[in-house]
Amino acid sequence: MDMSSIMASQLRSLQSTVQLSVLNNALAMNTAAATDMLKSLSNQSVAAHPHKGASVDVQA
């Protein structure tokens, strides 16, 4: 093998490694964001229905 093909092979390997690293970091960030969002949902109070149970309409 000549030097050019060895370097091209190493460059492809490096590009693949960097791409996997970037994807792994993005996945970790999205997972952390989703976890934080789910935790914040449990801290919110339950909103009351806007009109259900607020008044009773009884006509004879």
PDB file of N, CA and C in Angstrom:
ATOM      1  N   MET A   1       0.840  -1.185   0.000  1.00  0.00           N
ATOM      2  CA  MET A   1       0.000   0.000   0.000  1.00  0.00           C
ATOM      3  C   MET A   1       0.884   1.246   0.000  1.00  0.00           C
ATOM      4  N   ASP A   2       0.428   2.224  -0.732  1.00  0.00           N
ATOM      5  CA  ASP A   2       1.197   3.467  -0.721  1.00  0.00           C
ATOM      6  C   ASP A   2       0.703   4.384   0.389  1.00  0.00           C
ATOM      7  N   MET A   3       1.445   5.402   0.634  1.00  0.00           N
ATOM      8  CA  MET A   3       1.172   6.307   1.747  1.00  0.00           C
ATOM      9  C   MET A   3      -0.179   6.994   1.600  1.00  0.00           C
ATOM     10  N   SER A   4      -0.549   7.329   0.378  1.00  0.00           N
ATOM     11  CA  SER A   4      -1.797   8.035   0.124  1.00  0.00           C
ATOM     12  C   SER A   4      -3.007   7.186   0.527  1.00  0.00           C
ATOM     13  N   SER A   5      -3.017   5.927   0.203  1.00  0.00           N
ATOM     14  CA  SER A   5      -4.151   5.065   0.544  1.00  0.00           C
ATOM     15  C   SER A   5      -4.213   4.797   2.048  1.00  0.00           C
ATOM     16  N   ILE A   6      -3.052   4.717   2.697  1.00  0.00           N
ATOM     17  CA  ILE A   6      -3.022   4.531   4.157  1.00  0.00           C
ATOM     18  C   ILE A   6      -3.623   5.754   4.851  1.00  0.00           C
ATOM     19  N   MET A   7      -3.227   6.941   4.383  1.00  0.00           N
ATOM     20  CA  MET A   7      -3.748   8.167   4.985  1.00  0.00           C
ATOM     21  C   MET A   7      -5.236   8.323   4.711  1.00  0.00           C
ATOM     22  N   ALA A   8      -5.697   7.940   3.530  1.00  0.00           N
ATOM     23  CA  ALA A   8      -7.123   8.027   3.204  1.00  0.00           C
ATOM     24  C   ALA A   8      -7.928   7.096   4.100  1.00  0.00           C
ATOM     25  N   SER A   9      -7.396   5.914   4.349  1.00  0.00           N
ATOM     26  CA  SER A   9      -8.061   4.958   5.227  1.00  0.00           C
ATOM     27  C   SER A   9      -8.138   5.489   6.655  1.00  0.00           C
ATOM     28  N   GLN A  10      -7.049   6.074   7.117  1.00  0.00           N
ATOM     29  CA  GLN A  10      -7.042   6.642   8.468  1.00  0.00           C
ATOM     30  C   GLN A  10      -7.991   7.833   8.575  1.00  0.00           C
ATOM     31  N   LEU A  11      -8.094   8.634   7.530  1.00  0.00           N
ATOM     32  CA  LEU A  11      -9.001   9.777   7.523  1.00  0.00           C
ATOM     33  C   LEU A  11     -10.459   9.315   7.585  1.00  0.00           C
ATOM     34  N   ARG A  12     -10.795   8.265   6.829  1.00  0.00           N
ATOM     35  CA  ARG A  12     -12.160   7.719   6.887  1.00  0.00           C
ATOM     36  C   ARG A  12     -12.475   7.202   8.283  1.00  0.00           C
ATOM     37  N   SER A  13     -11.522   6.554   8.900  1.00  0.00           N
ATOM     38  CA  SER A  13     -11.709   6.042  10.250  1.00  0.00           C
ATOM     39  C   SER A  13     -11.901   7.178  11.242  1.00  0.00           C
ATOM     40  N   LEU A  14     -11.112   8.221  11.114  1.00  0.00           N
ATOM     41  CA  LEU A  14     -11.229   9.383  11.996  1.00  0.00           C
ATOM     42  C   LEU A  14     -12.567  10.081  11.808  1.00  0.00           C
ATOM     43  N   GLN A  15     -13.004  10.247  10.560  1.00  0.00           N
ATOM     44  CA  GLN A  15     -14.296  10.875  10.285  1.00  0.00           C
ATOM     45  C   GLN A  15     -15.436  10.073  10.907  1.00  0.00           C
ATOM     46  N   SER A  16     -15.360   8.764  10.793  1.00  0.00           N
ATOM     47  CA  SER A  16     -16.389   7.905  11.385  1.00  0.00           C
ATOM     48  C   SER A  16     -16.409   8.035  12.899  1.00  0.00           C
ATOM     49  N   THR A  17     -15.232   8.074  13.512  1.00  0.00           N
ATOM     50  CA  THR A  17     -15.139   8.209  14.965  1.00  0.00           C
ATOM     51  C   THR A  17     -15.706   9.542  15.433  1.00  0.00           C
ATOM     52  N   VAL A  18     -15.363  10.616  14.733  1.00  0.00           N
ATOM     53  CA  VAL A  18     -15.865  11.947  15.096  1.00  0.00           C
ATOM     54  C   VAL A  18     -17.380  12.002  14.921  1.00  0.00           C
ATOM     55  N   GLN A  19     -17.885  11.430  13.851  1.00  0.00           N
ATOM     56  CA  GLN A  19     -19.322  11.432  13.604  1.00  0.00           C
ATOM     57  C   GLN A  19     -20.059  10.680  14.710  1.00  0.00           C
ATOM     58  N   LEU A  20     -19.546   9.531  15.109  1.00  0.00           N
ATOM     59  CA  LEU A  20     -20.172   8.768  16.183  1.00  0.00           C
ATOM     60  C   LEU A  20     -20.112   9.522  17.506  1.00  0.00           C
ATOM     61  N   SER A  21     -19.022  10.218  17.752  1.00  0.00           N
ATOM     62  CA  SER A  21     -18.880  11.003  18.976  1.00  0.00           C
ATOM     63  C   SER A  21     -19.897  12.140  19.008  1.00  0.00           C
ATOM     64  N   VAL A  22     -20.056  12.826  17.889  1.00  0.00           N
ATOM     65  CA  VAL A  22     -21.029  13.930  17.814  1.00  0.00           C
ATOM     66  C   VAL A  22     -22.444  13.403  18.007  1.00  0.00           C
ATOM     67  N   LEU A  23     -22.774  12.299  17.365  1.00  0.00           N
ATOM     68  CA  LEU A  23     -24.109  11.711  17.519  1.00  0.00           C
ATOM     69  C   LEU A  23     -24.361  11.267  18.954  1.00  0.00           C
ATOM     70  N   ASN A  24     -23.350  10.705  19.593  1.00  0.00           N
ATOM     71  CA  ASN A  24     -23.478  10.259  20.984  1.00  0.00           C
ATOM     72  C   ASN A  24     -23.720  11.443  21.913  1.00  0.00           C
ATOM     73  N   ASN A  25     -22.980  12.538  21.698  1.00  0.00           N
ATOM     74  CA  ASN A  25     -23.172  13.737  22.520  1.00  0.00           C
ATOM     75  C   ASN A  25     -24.554  14.344  22.307  1.00  0.00           C
ATOM     76  N   ALA A  26     -25.023  14.374  21.074  1.00  0.00           N
ATOM     77  CA  ALA A  26     -26.353  14.921  20.786  1.00  0.00           C
ATOM     78  C   ALA A  26     -27.430  14.066  21.444  1.00  0.00           C
ATOM     79  N   LEU A  27     -27.269  12.766  21.407  1.00  0.00           N
ATOM     80  CA  LEU A  27     -28.231  11.865  22.042  1.00  0.00           C
ATOM     81  C   LEU A  27     -28.252  12.067  23.549  1.00  0.00           C
ATOM     82  N   ALA A  28     -27.095  12.234  24.146  1.00  0.00           N
ATOM     83  CA  ALA A  28     -27.018  12.459  25.590  1.00  0.00           C
ATOM     84  C   ALA A  28     -27.683  13.783  25.964  1.00  0.00           C
ATOM     85  N   MET A  29     -27.478  14.817  25.165  1.00  0.00           N
ATOM     86  CA  MET A  29     -28.093  16.116  25.445  1.00  0.00           C
ATOM     87  C   MET A  29     -29.613  16.032  25.317  1.00  0.00           C
ATOM     88  N   ASN A  30     -30.106  15.339  24.285  1.00  0.00           N
ATOM     89  CA  ASN A  30     -31.552  15.207  24.102  1.00  0.00           C
ATOM     90  C   ASN A  30     -32.166  14.385  25.221  1.00  0.00           C
ATOM     91  N   THR A  31     -31.460  13.361  25.672  1.00  0.00           N
ATOM     92  CA  THR A  31     -31.965  12.540  26.772  1.00  0.00           C
ATOM     93  C   THR A  31     -32.048  13.356  28.052  1.00  0.00           C
ATOM     94  N   ALA A  32     -31.030  14.160  28.317  1.00  0.00           N
ATOM     95  CA  ALA A  32     -31.041  15.000  29.513  1.00  0.00           C
ATOM     96  C   ALA A  32     -32.167  16.028  29.438  1.00  0.00           C
ATOM     97  N   ALA A  33     -32.386  16.609  28.267  1.00  0.00           N
ATOM     98  CA  ALA A  33     -33.456  17.595  28.111  1.00  0.00           C
ATOM     99  C   ALA A  33     -34.824  16.945  28.312  1.00  0.00           C
ATOM    100  N   ALA A  34     -35.010  15.754  27.773  1.00  0.00           N
ATOM    101  CA  ALA A  34     -36.288  15.054  27.936  1.00  0.00           C
ATOM    102  C   ALA A  34     -36.519  14.683  29.397  1.00  0.00           C
ATOM    103  N   THR A  35     -35.479  14.268  30.079  1.00  0.00           N
ATOM    104  CA  THR A  35     -35.600  13.926  31.503  1.00  0.00           C
ATOM    105  C   THR A  35     -35.973  15.151  32.322  1.00  0.00           C
ATOM    106  N   ASP A  36     -35.336  16.282  32.047  1.00  0.00           N
ATOM    107  CA  ASP A  36     -35.666  17.522  32.758  1.00  0.00           C
ATOM    108  C   ASP A  36     -37.103  17.938  32.497  1.00  0.00           C
ATOM    109  N   MET A  37     -37.554  17.781  31.250  1.00  0.00           N
ATOM    110  CA  MET A  37     -38.921  18.150  30.911  1.00  0.00           C
ATOM    111  C   MET A  37     -39.922  17.272  31.665  1.00  0.00           C
ATOM    112  N   LEU A  38     -39.648  15.985  31.720  1.00  0.00           N
ATOM    113  CA  LEU A  38     -40.553  15.083  32.430  1.00  0.00           C
ATOM    114  C   LEU A  38     -40.573  15.375  33.924  1.00  0.00           C
ATOM    115  N   LYS A  39     -39.425  15.724  34.483  1.00  0.00           N
ATOM    116  CA  LYS A  39     -39.377  16.074  35.907  1.00  0.00           C
ATOM    117  C   LYS A  39     -40.159  17.352  36.180  1.00  0.00           C
ATOM    118  N   SER A  40     -40.085  18.310  35.276  1.00  0.00           N
ATOM    119  CA  SER A  40     -40.799  19.571  35.480  1.00  0.00           C
ATOM    120  C   SER A  40     -42.308  19.376  35.350  1.00  0.00           C
ATOM    121  N   LEU A  41     -42.737  18.376  34.599  1.00  0.00           N
ATOM    122  CA  LEU A  41     -44.174  18.118  34.475  1.00  0.00           C
ATOM    123  C   LEU A  41     -44.776  17.673  35.804  1.00  0.00           C
ATOM    124  N   SER A  42     -44.022  16.924  36.587  1.00  0.00           N
ATOM    125  CA  SER A  42     -44.546  16.443  37.863  1.00  0.00           C
ATOM    126  C   SER A  42     -44.632  17.576  38.881  1.00  0.00           C
ATOM    127  N   ASN A  43     -43.893  18.674  38.685  1.00  0.00           N
ATOM    128  CA  ASN A  43     -43.920  19.804  39.609  1.00  0.00           C
ATOM    129  C   ASN A  43     -45.094  20.742  39.350  1.00  0.00           C
ATOM    130  N   GLN A  44     -45.716  20.642  38.192  1.00  0.00           N
ATOM    131  CA  GLN A  44     -46.812  21.536  37.857  1.00  0.00           C
ATOM    132  C   GLN A  44     -48.102  21.066  38.506  1.00  0.00           C
ATOM    133  N   SER A  45     -48.924  22.032  38.906  1.00  0.00           N
ATOM    134  CA  SER A  45     -50.214  21.668  39.483  1.00  0.00           C
ATOM    135  C   SER A  45     -51.185  21.326  38.358  1.00  0.00           C
ATOM    136  N   VAL A  46     -52.161  20.533  38.696  1.00  0.00           N
ATOM    137  CA  VAL A  46     -53.142  20.112  37.709  1.00  0.00           C
ATOM    138  C   VAL A  46     -54.118  21.256  37.484  1.00  0.00           C
ATOM    139  N   ALA A  47     -54.311  21.638  36.251  1.00  0.00           N
ATOM    140  CA  ALA A  47     -55.219  22.733  35.927  1.00  0.00           C
ATOM    141  C   ALA A  47     -56.659  22.248  36.017  1.00  0.00           C
ATOM    142  N   ALA A  48     -57.490  23.084  36.628  1.00  0.00           N
ATOM    143  CA  ALA A  48     -58.906  22.751  36.741  1.00  0.00           C
ATOM    144  C   ALA A  48     -59.577  22.935  35.389  1.00  0.00           C
ATOM    145  N   HIS A  49     -60.616  22.181  35.182  1.00  0.00           N
ATOM    146  CA  HIS A  49     -61.388  22.302  33.954  1.00  0.00           C
ATOM    147  C   HIS A  49     -62.034  23.688  33.933  1.00  0.00           C
ATOM    148  N   PRO A  50     -62.069  24.380  32.805  1.00  0.00           N
ATOM    149  CA  PRO A  50     -62.529  25.766  32.780  1.00  0.00           C
ATOM    150  C   PRO A  50     -63.993  25.968  33.194  1.00  0.00           C
ATOM    151  N   HIS A  51     -64.854  24.993  32.923  1.00  0.00           N
ATOM    152  CA  HIS A  51     -66.264  25.215  33.288  1.00  0.00           C
ATOM    153  C   HIS A  51     -66.911  24.005  33.961  1.00  0.00           C
ATOM    154  N   LYS A  52     -66.276  22.889  33.938  1.00  0.00           N
ATOM    155  CA  LYS A  52     -66.871  21.682  34.516  1.00  0.00           C
ATOM    156  C   LYS A  52     -66.926  21.798  36.028  1.00  0.00           C
ATOM    157  N   GLY A  53     -68.122  21.657  36.603  1.00  0.00           N
ATOM    158  CA  GLY A  53     -68.289  21.697  38.041  1.00  0.00           C
ATOM    159  C   GLY A  53     -68.347  23.096  38.618  1.00  0.00           C
ATOM    160  N   ALA A  54     -68.199  24.123  37.806  1.00  0.00           N
ATOM    161  CA  ALA A  54     -68.213  25.492  38.323  1.00  0.00           C
ATOM    162  C   ALA A  54     -69.627  25.973  38.572  1.00  0.00           C
ATOM    163  N   SER A  55     -70.580  25.534  37.774  1.00  0.00           N
ATOM    164  CA  SER A  55     -71.950  25.971  37.957  1.00  0.00           C
ATOM    165  C   SER A  55     -72.895  24.824  37.631  1.00  0.00           C
ATOM    166  N   VAL A  56     -74.090  24.908  38.198  1.00  0.00           N
ATOM    167  CA  VAL A  56     -75.110  23.893  37.946  1.00  0.00           C
ATOM    168  C   VAL A  56     -76.309  24.590  37.353  1.00  0.00           C
ATOM    169  N   ASP A  57     -76.727  24.124  36.208  1.00  0.00           N
ATOM    170  CA  ASP A  57     -77.879  24.713  35.525  1.00  0.00           C
ATOM    171  C   ASP A  57     -79.063  23.791  35.684  1.00  0.00           C
ATOM    172  N   VAL A  58     -79.970  24.145  36.564  1.00  0.00           N
ATOM    173  CA  VAL A  58     -81.152  23.299  36.808  1.00  0.00           C
ATOM    174  C   VAL A  58     -82.388  24.121  36.453  1.00  0.00           C
ATOM    175  N   GLN A  59     -83.142  23.620  35.509  1.00  0.00           N
ATOM    176  CA  GLN A  59     -84.385  24.292  35.122  1.00  0.00           C
ATOM    177  C   GLN A  59     -85.537  23.319  35.323  1.00  0.00           C
ATOM    178  N   ALA A  60     -86.652  23.809  35.856  1.00  0.00           N
ATOM    179  CA  ALA A  60     -87.809  22.961  36.097  1.00  0.00           C
ATOM    180  C   ALA A  60     -88.726  22.935  34.920  1.00  0.00           C
TER     181      ALA A  60
END
